C-alpha atoms as a PDB file:
ATOM      1  CA  MET A   1    -164.372 -63.923  48.046  1.00  0.00           C
ATOM      2  CA  ASP A   2    -163.548 -67.858  48.228  1.00  0.00           C
ATOM      3  CA  LEU A   3    -163.872 -69.397  45.315  1.00  0.00           C
ATOM      4  CA  GLN A   4    -161.307 -71.863  45.660  1.00  0.00           C
ATOM      5  CA  ASP A   5    -161.790 -75.327  43.663  1.00  0.00           C
ATOM      6  CA  LYS A   6    -165.155 -74.189  42.276  1.00  0.00           C
ATOM      7  CA  SER A   7    -166.548 -74.973  38.960  1.00  0.00           C
ATOM      8  CA  VAL A   8    -167.364 -72.536  36.727  1.00  0.00           C
ATOM      9  CA  VAL A   9    -168.841 -72.615  33.721  1.00  0.00           C
ATOM     10  CA  ILE A  10    -169.246 -69.485  31.814  1.00  0.00           C
ATOM     11  CA  THR A  11    -171.476 -69.149  28.430  1.00  0.00           C
ATOM     12  CA  GLY A  12    -170.406 -65.963  25.782  1.00  0.00           C
ATOM     13  CA  ALA A  13    -166.396 -66.350  27.746  1.00  0.00           C
ATOM     14  CA  ALA A  14    -164.312 -64.891  24.981  1.00  0.00           C
ATOM     15  CA  SER A  15    -165.316 -61.053  25.674  1.00  0.00           C
ATOM     16  CA  GLY A  16    -166.869 -58.249  27.359  1.00  0.00           C
ATOM     17  CA  ILE A  17    -168.328 -59.307  30.721  1.00  0.00           C
ATOM     18  CA  GLY A  18    -168.009 -63.135  29.941  1.00  0.00           C
ATOM     19  CA  ALA A  19    -164.487 -62.860  29.716  1.00  0.00           C
ATOM     20  CA  ALA A  20    -163.931 -60.623  32.234  1.00  0.00           C
ATOM     21  CA  THR A  21    -165.868 -62.971  34.878  1.00  0.00           C
ATOM     22  CA  ALA A  22    -163.872 -65.867  33.649  1.00  0.00           C
ATOM     23  CA  LEU A  23    -160.455 -63.841  34.764  1.00  0.00           C
ATOM     24  CA  HIS A  24    -161.841 -62.586  37.908  1.00  0.00           C
ATOM     25  CA  MET A  25    -163.052 -65.710  39.090  1.00  0.00           C
ATOM     26  CA  GLY A  26    -160.004 -67.729  37.929  1.00  0.00           C
ATOM     27  CA  ALA A  27    -157.985 -65.386  39.564  1.00  0.00           C
ATOM     28  CA  LEU A  28    -160.287 -66.272  42.853  1.00  0.00           C
ATOM     29  CA  GLY A  29    -159.459 -69.938  42.730  1.00  0.00           C
ATOM     30  CA  ALA A  30    -162.612 -71.004  40.815  1.00  0.00           C
ATOM     31  CA  LYS A  31    -161.776 -73.778  38.247  1.00  0.00           C
ATOM     32  CA  ILE A  32    -163.298 -72.619  34.813  1.00  0.00           C
ATOM     33  CA  ALA A  33    -164.949 -74.155  31.626  1.00  0.00           C
ATOM     34  CA  ALA A  34    -165.389 -71.158  29.622  1.00  0.00           C
ATOM     35  CA  SER A  35    -167.191 -71.430  26.205  1.00  0.00           C
ATOM     36  CA  ASP A  36    -168.032 -69.201  23.591  1.00  0.00           C
ATOM     37  CA  ILE A  37    -168.573 -69.562  19.635  1.00  0.00           C
ATOM     38  CA  ASP A  38    -165.239 -67.663  19.218  1.00  0.00           C
ATOM     39  CA  LEU A  39    -163.087 -70.144  19.914  1.00  0.00           C
ATOM     40  CA  GLU A  40    -159.696 -68.242  19.208  1.00  0.00           C
ATOM     41  CA  GLY A  41    -160.535 -65.292  22.029  1.00  0.00           C
ATOM     42  CA  LEU A  42    -162.000 -67.533  23.926  1.00  0.00           C
ATOM     43  CA  GLU A  43    -158.454 -70.049  24.140  1.00  0.00           C
ATOM     44  CA  ASP A  44    -157.002 -66.278  24.311  1.00  0.00           C
ATOM     45  CA  ILE A  45    -158.926 -65.669  27.842  1.00  0.00           C
ATOM     46  CA  VAL A  46    -158.195 -69.329  29.373  1.00  0.00           C
ATOM     47  CA  SER A  47    -154.358 -68.509  28.018  1.00  0.00           C
ATOM     48  CA  HIS A  48    -154.408 -65.581  30.546  1.00  0.00           C
ATOM     49  CA  ILE A  49    -156.146 -67.472  33.521  1.00  0.00           C
ATOM     50  CA  LYS A  50    -153.798 -70.306  32.954  1.00  0.00           C
ATOM     51  CA  MET A  51    -150.552 -67.819  33.439  1.00  0.00           C
ATOM     52  CA  ALA A  52    -151.691 -66.216  35.962  1.00  0.00           C
ATOM     53  CA  GLY A  53    -151.723 -69.679  37.991  1.00  0.00           C
ATOM     54  CA  GLY A  54    -155.102 -70.463  37.649  1.00  0.00           C
ATOM     55  CA  THR A  55    -157.025 -73.751  36.483  1.00  0.00           C
ATOM     56  CA  ALA A  56    -159.211 -73.237  32.778  1.00  0.00           C
ATOM     57  CA  LEU A  57    -160.086 -75.094  29.966  1.00  0.00           C
ATOM     58  CA  ALA A  58    -161.680 -73.982  26.388  1.00  0.00           C
ATOM     59  CA  HIS A  59    -164.956 -75.356  25.191  1.00  0.00           C
ATOM     60  CA  ARG A  60    -166.455 -74.045  21.792  1.00  0.00           C
ATOM     61  CA  VAL A  61    -170.331 -73.977  21.882  1.00  0.00           C
ATOM     62  CA  ASP A  62    -173.294 -72.853  20.670  1.00  0.00           C
ATOM     63  CA  VAL A  63    -175.969 -71.760  23.152  1.00  0.00           C
ATOM     64  CA  THR A  64    -178.840 -72.605  20.397  1.00  0.00           C
ATOM     65  CA  ASP A  65    -177.587 -75.955  20.372  1.00  0.00           C
ATOM     66  CA  PHE A  66    -178.953 -78.020  23.185  1.00  0.00           C
ATOM     67  CA  ASP A  67    -176.597 -81.058  22.644  1.00  0.00           C
ATOM     68  CA  GLN A  68    -173.500 -78.363  22.704  1.00  0.00           C
ATOM     69  CA  VAL A  69    -174.473 -76.912  25.910  1.00  0.00           C
ATOM     70  CA  THR A  70    -174.899 -80.134  27.280  1.00  0.00           C
ATOM     71  CA  GLU A  71    -171.726 -81.731  26.156  1.00  0.00           C
ATOM     72  CA  LEU A  72    -170.376 -78.541  28.022  1.00  0.00           C
ATOM     73  CA  MET A  73    -171.850 -79.333  31.378  1.00  0.00           C
ATOM     74  CA  ALA A  74    -170.730 -83.233  31.038  1.00  0.00           C
ATOM     75  CA  LYS A  75    -166.846 -81.749  29.917  1.00  0.00           C
ATOM     76  CA  ALA A  76    -166.833 -79.131  33.664  1.00  0.00           C
ATOM     77  CA  LYS A  77    -167.880 -82.368  35.553  1.00  0.00           C
ATOM     78  CA  GLU A  78    -166.392 -84.823  33.942  1.00  0.00           C
ATOM     79  CA  THR A  79    -162.849 -82.472  34.404  1.00  0.00           C
ATOM     80  CA  TYR A  80    -163.665 -80.750  37.806  1.00  0.00           C
ATOM     81  CA  GLY A  81    -165.693 -83.470  39.375  1.00  0.00           C
ATOM     82  CA  SER A  82    -168.741 -80.833  39.954  1.00  0.00           C
ATOM     83  CA  VAL A  83    -170.826 -78.107  38.076  1.00  0.00           C
ATOM     84  CA  ASP A  84    -171.159 -75.379  40.987  1.00  0.00           C
ATOM     85  CA  ILE A  85    -171.833 -72.303  39.539  1.00  0.00           C
ATOM     86  CA  VAL A  86    -172.845 -71.757  35.955  1.00  0.00           C
ATOM     87  CA  VAL A  87    -173.129 -67.942  34.400  1.00  0.00           C
ATOM     88  CA  CYS A  88    -175.285 -67.625  31.682  1.00  0.00           C
ATOM     89  CA  ASN A  89    -173.954 -64.808  29.922  1.00  0.00           C
ATOM     90  CA  ALA A  90    -173.744 -65.585  25.938  1.00  0.00           C
ATOM     91  CA  GLY A  91    -176.163 -62.729  23.867  1.00  0.00           C
ATOM     92  CA  ILE A  92    -176.197 -60.627  21.601  1.00  0.00           C
ATOM     93  CA  GLY A  93    -177.749 -57.422  20.129  1.00  0.00           C
ATOM     94  CA  GLY A  94    -179.660 -57.058  16.621  1.00  0.00           C
ATOM     95  CA  LYS A  95    -177.998 -56.118  13.548  1.00  0.00           C
ATOM     96  CA  GLU A  96    -180.305 -52.639  13.066  1.00  0.00           C
ATOM     97  CA  GLN A  97    -182.108 -50.627  15.509  1.00  0.00           C
ATOM     98  CA  ARG A  98    -185.808 -50.138  13.809  1.00  0.00           C
ATOM     99  CA  LYS A  99    -189.131 -49.212  15.301  1.00  0.00           C
ATOM    100  CA  THR A 100    -191.023 -52.683  16.260  1.00  0.00           C
ATOM    101  CA  ALA A 101    -193.258 -52.891  12.313  1.00  0.00           C
ATOM    102  CA  GLU A 102    -189.872 -52.449  10.544  1.00  0.00           C
ATOM    103  CA  HIS A 103    -187.820 -54.508  13.109  1.00  0.00           C
ATOM    104  CA  THR A 104    -186.605 -57.570  10.873  1.00  0.00           C
ATOM    105  CA  HIS A 105    -187.712 -61.351  11.355  1.00  0.00           C
ATOM    106  CA  GLU A 106    -183.694 -62.298  11.099  1.00  0.00           C
ATOM    107  CA  ASP A 107    -182.915 -60.233  14.326  1.00  0.00           C
ATOM    108  CA  TRP A 108    -185.884 -61.183  16.009  1.00  0.00           C
ATOM    109  CA  HIS A 109    -185.010 -64.898  15.308  1.00  0.00           C
ATOM    110  CA  ASN A 110    -181.458 -64.865  15.943  1.00  0.00           C
ATOM    111  CA  VAL A 111    -181.314 -62.767  19.340  1.00  0.00           C
ATOM    112  CA  ILE A 112    -184.220 -64.787  20.696  1.00  0.00           C
ATOM    113  CA  ALA A 113    -182.321 -68.001  19.762  1.00  0.00           C
ATOM    114  CA  VAL A 114    -179.204 -67.007  21.548  1.00  0.00           C
ATOM    115  CA  ASN A 115    -180.026 -64.690  24.796  1.00  0.00           C
ATOM    116  CA  GLN A 116    -183.589 -66.204  25.553  1.00  0.00           C
ATOM    117  CA  THR A 117    -183.367 -70.008  24.355  1.00  0.00           C
ATOM    118  CA  GLY A 118    -179.699 -70.370  25.024  1.00  0.00           C
ATOM    119  CA  VAL A 119    -180.611 -69.226  28.715  1.00  0.00           C
ATOM    120  CA  PHE A 120    -183.177 -71.948  29.171  1.00  0.00           C
ATOM    121  CA  TYR A 121    -180.720 -74.354  27.147  1.00  0.00           C
ATOM    122  CA  THR A 122    -178.148 -73.654  29.489  1.00  0.00           C
ATOM    123  CA  MET A 123    -180.018 -73.855  33.028  1.00  0.00           C
ATOM    124  CA  LYS A 124    -181.829 -76.805  31.672  1.00  0.00           C
ATOM    125  CA  ALA A 125    -178.096 -78.876  31.203  1.00  0.00           C
ATOM    126  CA  ALA A 126    -176.896 -77.264  34.363  1.00  0.00           C
ATOM    127  CA  LEU A 127    -179.981 -78.037  36.600  1.00  0.00           C
ATOM    128  CA  LYS A 128    -179.532 -82.148  36.060  1.00  0.00           C
ATOM    129  CA  HIS A 129    -176.432 -81.974  37.323  1.00  0.00           C
ATOM    130  CA  MET A 130    -176.858 -79.584  40.034  1.00  0.00           C
ATOM    131  CA  LYS A 131    -180.001 -81.119  41.519  1.00  0.00           C
ATOM    132  CA  ARG A 132    -177.858 -84.471  41.173  1.00  0.00           C
ATOM    133  CA  GLN A 133    -175.215 -83.468  43.367  1.00  0.00           C
ATOM    134  CA  GLY A 134    -177.446 -81.470  45.581  1.00  0.00           C
ATOM    135  CA  HIS A 135    -176.055 -77.813  45.054  1.00  0.00           C
ATOM    136  CA  GLY A 136    -175.296 -75.075  43.107  1.00  0.00           C
ATOM    137  CA  SER A 137    -175.846 -71.141  42.050  1.00  0.00           C
ATOM    138  CA  ILE A 138    -176.705 -70.017  38.643  1.00  0.00           C
ATOM    139  CA  VAL A 139    -176.292 -66.284  37.810  1.00  0.00           C
ATOM    140  CA  ASN A 140    -177.784 -65.255  34.196  1.00  0.00           C
ATOM    141  CA  VAL A 141    -176.817 -62.152  32.778  1.00  0.00           C
ATOM    142  CA  ALA A 142    -179.840 -60.230  31.762  1.00  0.00           C
ATOM    143  CA  SER A 143    -179.941 -56.432  31.382  1.00  0.00           C
ATOM    144  CA  LEU A 144    -181.798 -52.861  32.021  1.00  0.00           C
ATOM    145  CA  ALA A 145    -183.766 -53.246  28.996  1.00  0.00           C
ATOM    146  CA  GLY A 146    -185.072 -56.449  30.661  1.00  0.00           C
ATOM    147  CA  LEU A 147    -186.605 -54.045  33.503  1.00  0.00           C
ATOM    148  CA  LYS A 148    -187.142 -50.538  31.427  1.00  0.00           C
ATOM    149  CA  PRO A 149    -188.241 -50.337  28.060  1.00  0.00           C
ATOM    150  CA  SER A 150    -185.803 -49.730  25.528  1.00  0.00           C
ATOM    151  CA  GLY A 151    -187.067 -48.502  21.843  1.00  0.00           C
ATOM    152  CA  TYR A 152    -185.524 -49.726  18.774  1.00  0.00           C
ATOM    153  CA  ASN A 153    -184.915 -52.625  19.870  1.00  0.00           C
ATOM    154  CA  LEU A 154    -187.656 -54.986  20.576  1.00  0.00           C
ATOM    155  CA  SER A 155    -186.010 -58.724  20.633  1.00  0.00           C
ATOM    156  CA  TYR A 156    -183.454 -57.901  22.953  1.00  0.00           C
ATOM    157  CA  SER A 157    -185.507 -55.854  25.539  1.00  0.00           C
ATOM    158  CA  ALA A 158    -187.688 -59.420  25.106  1.00  0.00           C
ATOM    159  CA  SER A 159    -185.058 -61.608  25.775  1.00  0.00           C
ATOM    160  CA  LYS A 160    -183.713 -59.890  28.791  1.00  0.00           C
ATOM    161  CA  PHE A 161    -187.127 -59.368  29.782  1.00  0.00           C
ATOM    162  CA  ALA A 162    -187.495 -62.928  29.768  1.00  0.00           C
ATOM    163  CA  VAL A 163    -184.310 -63.614  31.244  1.00  0.00           C
ATOM    164  CA  VAL A 164    -185.706 -62.079  34.196  1.00  0.00           C
ATOM    165  CA  GLY A 165    -188.598 -63.988  34.469  1.00  0.00           C
ATOM    166  CA  MET A 166    -186.818 -67.156  33.865  1.00  0.00           C
ATOM    167  CA  THR A 167    -184.738 -66.329  36.908  1.00  0.00           C
ATOM    168  CA  LYS A 168    -187.509 -66.244  39.254  1.00  0.00           C
ATOM    169  CA  SER A 169    -189.494 -68.986  37.800  1.00  0.00           C
ATOM    170  CA  ALA A 170    -186.701 -71.553  38.225  1.00  0.00           C
ATOM    171  CA  ALA A 171    -185.379 -70.184  41.927  1.00  0.00           C
ATOM    172  CA  LEU A 172    -188.951 -70.576  42.550  1.00  0.00           C
ATOM    173  CA  GLU A 173    -188.639 -74.502  41.478  1.00  0.00           C
ATOM    174  CA  TYR A 174    -185.088 -75.066  42.879  1.00  0.00           C
ATOM    175  CA  GLY A 175    -184.744 -73.473  46.169  1.00  0.00           C
ATOM    176  CA  LYS A 176    -185.368 -76.660  48.040  1.00  0.00           C
ATOM    177  CA  ASP A 177    -182.626 -78.332  46.015  1.00  0.00           C
ATOM    178  CA  HIS A 178    -180.537 -76.008  47.359  1.00  0.00           C
ATOM    179  CA  ILE A 179    -179.845 -74.293  44.145  1.00  0.00           C
ATOM    180  CA  ARG A 180    -179.586 -70.656  43.960  1.00  0.00           C
ATOM    181  CA  ILE A 181    -180.673 -68.675  40.623  1.00  0.00           C
ATOM    182  CA  ASN A 182    -179.942 -65.077  40.196  1.00  0.00           C
ATOM    183  CA  ALA A 183    -179.339 -62.103  37.236  1.00  0.00           C
ATOM    184  CA  VAL A 184    -177.760 -59.193  36.920  1.00  0.00           C
ATOM    185  CA  CYS A 185    -179.086 -56.668  35.478  1.00  0.00           C
ATOM    186  CA  PRO A 186    -176.092 -54.048  33.586  1.00  0.00           C
ATOM    187  CA  GLY A 187    -176.870 -50.712  32.436  1.00  0.00           C
ATOM    188  CA  TYR A 188    -174.861 -49.318  29.633  1.00  0.00           C
ATOM    189  CA  THR A 189    -171.655 -51.041  29.964  1.00  0.00           C
ATOM    190  CA  LYS A 190    -168.129 -51.321  27.580  1.00  0.00           C
ATOM    191  CA  THR A 191    -168.867 -53.899  25.771  1.00  0.00           C
ATOM    192  CA  PRO A 192    -168.287 -55.143  22.610  1.00  0.00           C
ATOM    193  CA  LEU A 193    -172.292 -54.732  22.065  1.00  0.00           C
ATOM    194  CA  LEU A 194    -172.597 -51.190  23.268  1.00  0.00           C
ATOM    195  CA  ASP A 195    -169.353 -50.314  20.931  1.00  0.00           C
ATOM    196  CA  LYS A 196    -171.577 -51.725  18.448  1.00  0.00           C
ATOM    197  CA  LEU A 197    -174.243 -49.286  19.041  1.00  0.00           C
ATOM    198  CA  LEU A 198    -172.071 -46.304  18.931  1.00  0.00           C
ATOM    199  CA  ASP A 199    -170.447 -47.490  15.802  1.00  0.00           C
ATOM    200  CA  PHE A 200    -173.860 -47.568  14.189  1.00  0.00           C
ATOM    201  CA  ARG A 201    -175.683 -44.746  15.915  1.00  0.00           C
ATOM    202  CA  PRO A 202    -172.593 -42.026  17.260  1.00  0.00           C
ATOM    203  CA  GLU A 203    -174.632 -39.446  18.638  1.00  0.00           C
ATOM    204  CA  MET A 204    -175.993 -41.363  21.159  1.00  0.00           C
ATOM    205  CA  GLU A 205    -172.776 -41.976  23.214  1.00  0.00           C
ATOM    206  CA  GLU A 206    -173.906 -38.413  24.715  1.00  0.00           C
ATOM    207  CA  THR A 207    -177.341 -39.368  24.946  1.00  0.00           C
ATOM    208  CA  LEU A 208    -177.262 -42.410  26.716  1.00  0.00           C
ATOM    209  CA  ARG A 209    -174.420 -40.153  29.090  1.00  0.00           C
ATOM    210  CA  LYS A 210    -177.037 -38.198  30.278  1.00  0.00           C
ATOM    211  CA  LEU A 211    -179.396 -40.980  31.399  1.00  0.00           C
ATOM    212  CA  ILE A 212    -176.430 -42.221  33.794  1.00  0.00           C
ATOM    213  CA  PRO A 213    -176.849 -39.796  36.885  1.00  0.00           C
ATOM    214  CA  MET A 214    -173.094 -41.256  37.649  1.00  0.00           C
ATOM    215  CA  ASP A 215    -172.503 -40.052  34.419  1.00  0.00           C
ATOM    216  CA  ARG A 216    -170.103 -42.459  33.110  1.00  0.00           C
ATOM    217  CA  PHE A 217    -170.736 -46.001  31.473  1.00  0.00           C
ATOM    218  CA  GLY A 218    -170.117 -49.342  33.751  1.00  0.00           C
ATOM    219  CA  GLU A 219    -167.134 -51.562  33.225  1.00  0.00           C
ATOM    220  CA  VAL A 220    -166.526 -55.221  32.772  1.00  0.00           C
ATOM    221  CA  ASP A 221    -164.685 -55.658  35.308  1.00  0.00           C
ATOM    222  CA  GLU A 222    -167.899 -54.163  37.771  1.00  0.00           C
ATOM    223  CA  ILE A 223    -170.156 -56.277  36.248  1.00  0.00           C
ATOM    224  CA  ALA A 224    -167.318 -59.421  36.898  1.00  0.00           C
ATOM    225  CA  GLU A 225    -167.042 -58.860  40.437  1.00  0.00           C
ATOM    226  CA  ALA A 226    -170.937 -58.459  41.085  1.00  0.00           C
ATOM    227  CA  ILE A 227    -171.421 -61.762  39.278  1.00  0.00           C
ATOM    228  CA  ALA A 228    -168.726 -63.239  41.951  1.00  0.00           C
ATOM    229  CA  TRP A 229    -170.397 -62.131  44.536  1.00  0.00           C
ATOM    230  CA  LEU A 230    -173.619 -63.175  44.104  1.00  0.00           C
ATOM    231  CA  ALA A 231    -172.590 -67.203  42.741  1.00  0.00           C
ATOM    232  CA  SER A 232    -170.897 -67.157  46.285  1.00  0.00           C
ATOM    233  CA  ASP A 233    -171.282 -68.472  49.365  1.00  0.00           C
ATOM    234  CA  HIS A 234    -171.708 -64.591  50.516  1.00  0.00           C
ATOM    235  CA  ALA A 235    -175.463 -64.542  48.868  1.00  0.00           C
ATOM    236  CA  LYS A 236    -176.080 -68.023  50.307  1.00  0.00           C
ATOM    237  CA  PHE A 237    -179.638 -66.869  51.339  1.00  0.00           C
ATOM    238  CA  ILE A 238    -180.369 -64.573  48.121  1.00  0.00           C
ATOM    239  CA  THR A 239    -182.206 -66.025  45.489  1.00  0.00           C
ATOM    240  CA  GLY A 240    -184.555 -65.313  42.522  1.00  0.00           C
ATOM    241  CA  GLN A 241    -182.953 -61.637  42.388  1.00  0.00           C
ATOM    242  CA  THR A 242    -182.058 -59.354  40.049  1.00  0.00           C
ATOM    243  CA  LEU A 243    -178.842 -57.616  41.160  1.00  0.00           C
ATOM    244  CA  VAL A 244    -178.940 -53.951  38.580  1.00  0.00           C
ATOM    245  CA  LEU A 245    -175.654 -52.719  38.083  1.00  0.00           C
ATOM    246  CA  ASP A 246    -176.791 -49.123  35.892  1.00  0.00           C
ATOM    247  CA  GLY A 247    -174.865 -46.300  37.669  1.00  0.00           C
ATOM    248  CA  GLY A 248    -178.589 -45.002  39.222  1.00  0.00           C
ATOM    249  CA  THR A 249    -180.351 -45.103  35.509  1.00  0.00           C
ATOM    250  CA  SER A 250    -183.470 -46.998  36.660  1.00  0.00           C
ATOM    251  CA  LEU A 251    -183.960 -44.486  39.429  1.00  0.00           C
ATOM    252  CA  LEU A 252    -184.864 -41.924  36.329  1.00  0.00           C
END
């Protein structure tokens, strides 16, 4: 897969799927603008990319702040000359797993701000550069929880359903500008978010595994490879789609 010298902006790149994507795309020759609120973790990922002979920069960003997201895109453009690919990956889960009537206002507002508004801000800032340069590819990281109901998880599920809808709407709007916008929908994947859930409810591990026909959780590297392919010219006639990586869970 050829990503040589492509300028790639990744949010939520300090850990999990975002970190794996930064490392993978960096190894494929892309120039990475990695962002996260966790600057220490971010700098560690950037250091690994550089030690492997790649090109990367770290830029601390809170995706709920539009000015910071705008600065991130401007930094990538200034440093690399273009904004070719953007991966909207920053995301969080709620602090508590509760039914809808007990769902906290704090969890609702925080999760929606990062997972939904953050994707909107990132796409909005990226699209201005992409429209001006006449090309671009955006991959939004949604979730299986954005395609199927997810109990005790209202704000997360609502935000990921929204990401799927925003992906399709924006793809419809910008196809004639040679800008492709797609999403990946990972199922249960070994990430800090899943670790947090299993720490809170250890008994859930066996229950979740039973929901996966392939009888295992996904690996972040597997999601990263799919993101890189979907962002690349190998998928140049694909837009407005959701690529599901769930080990077959959605078949049930």
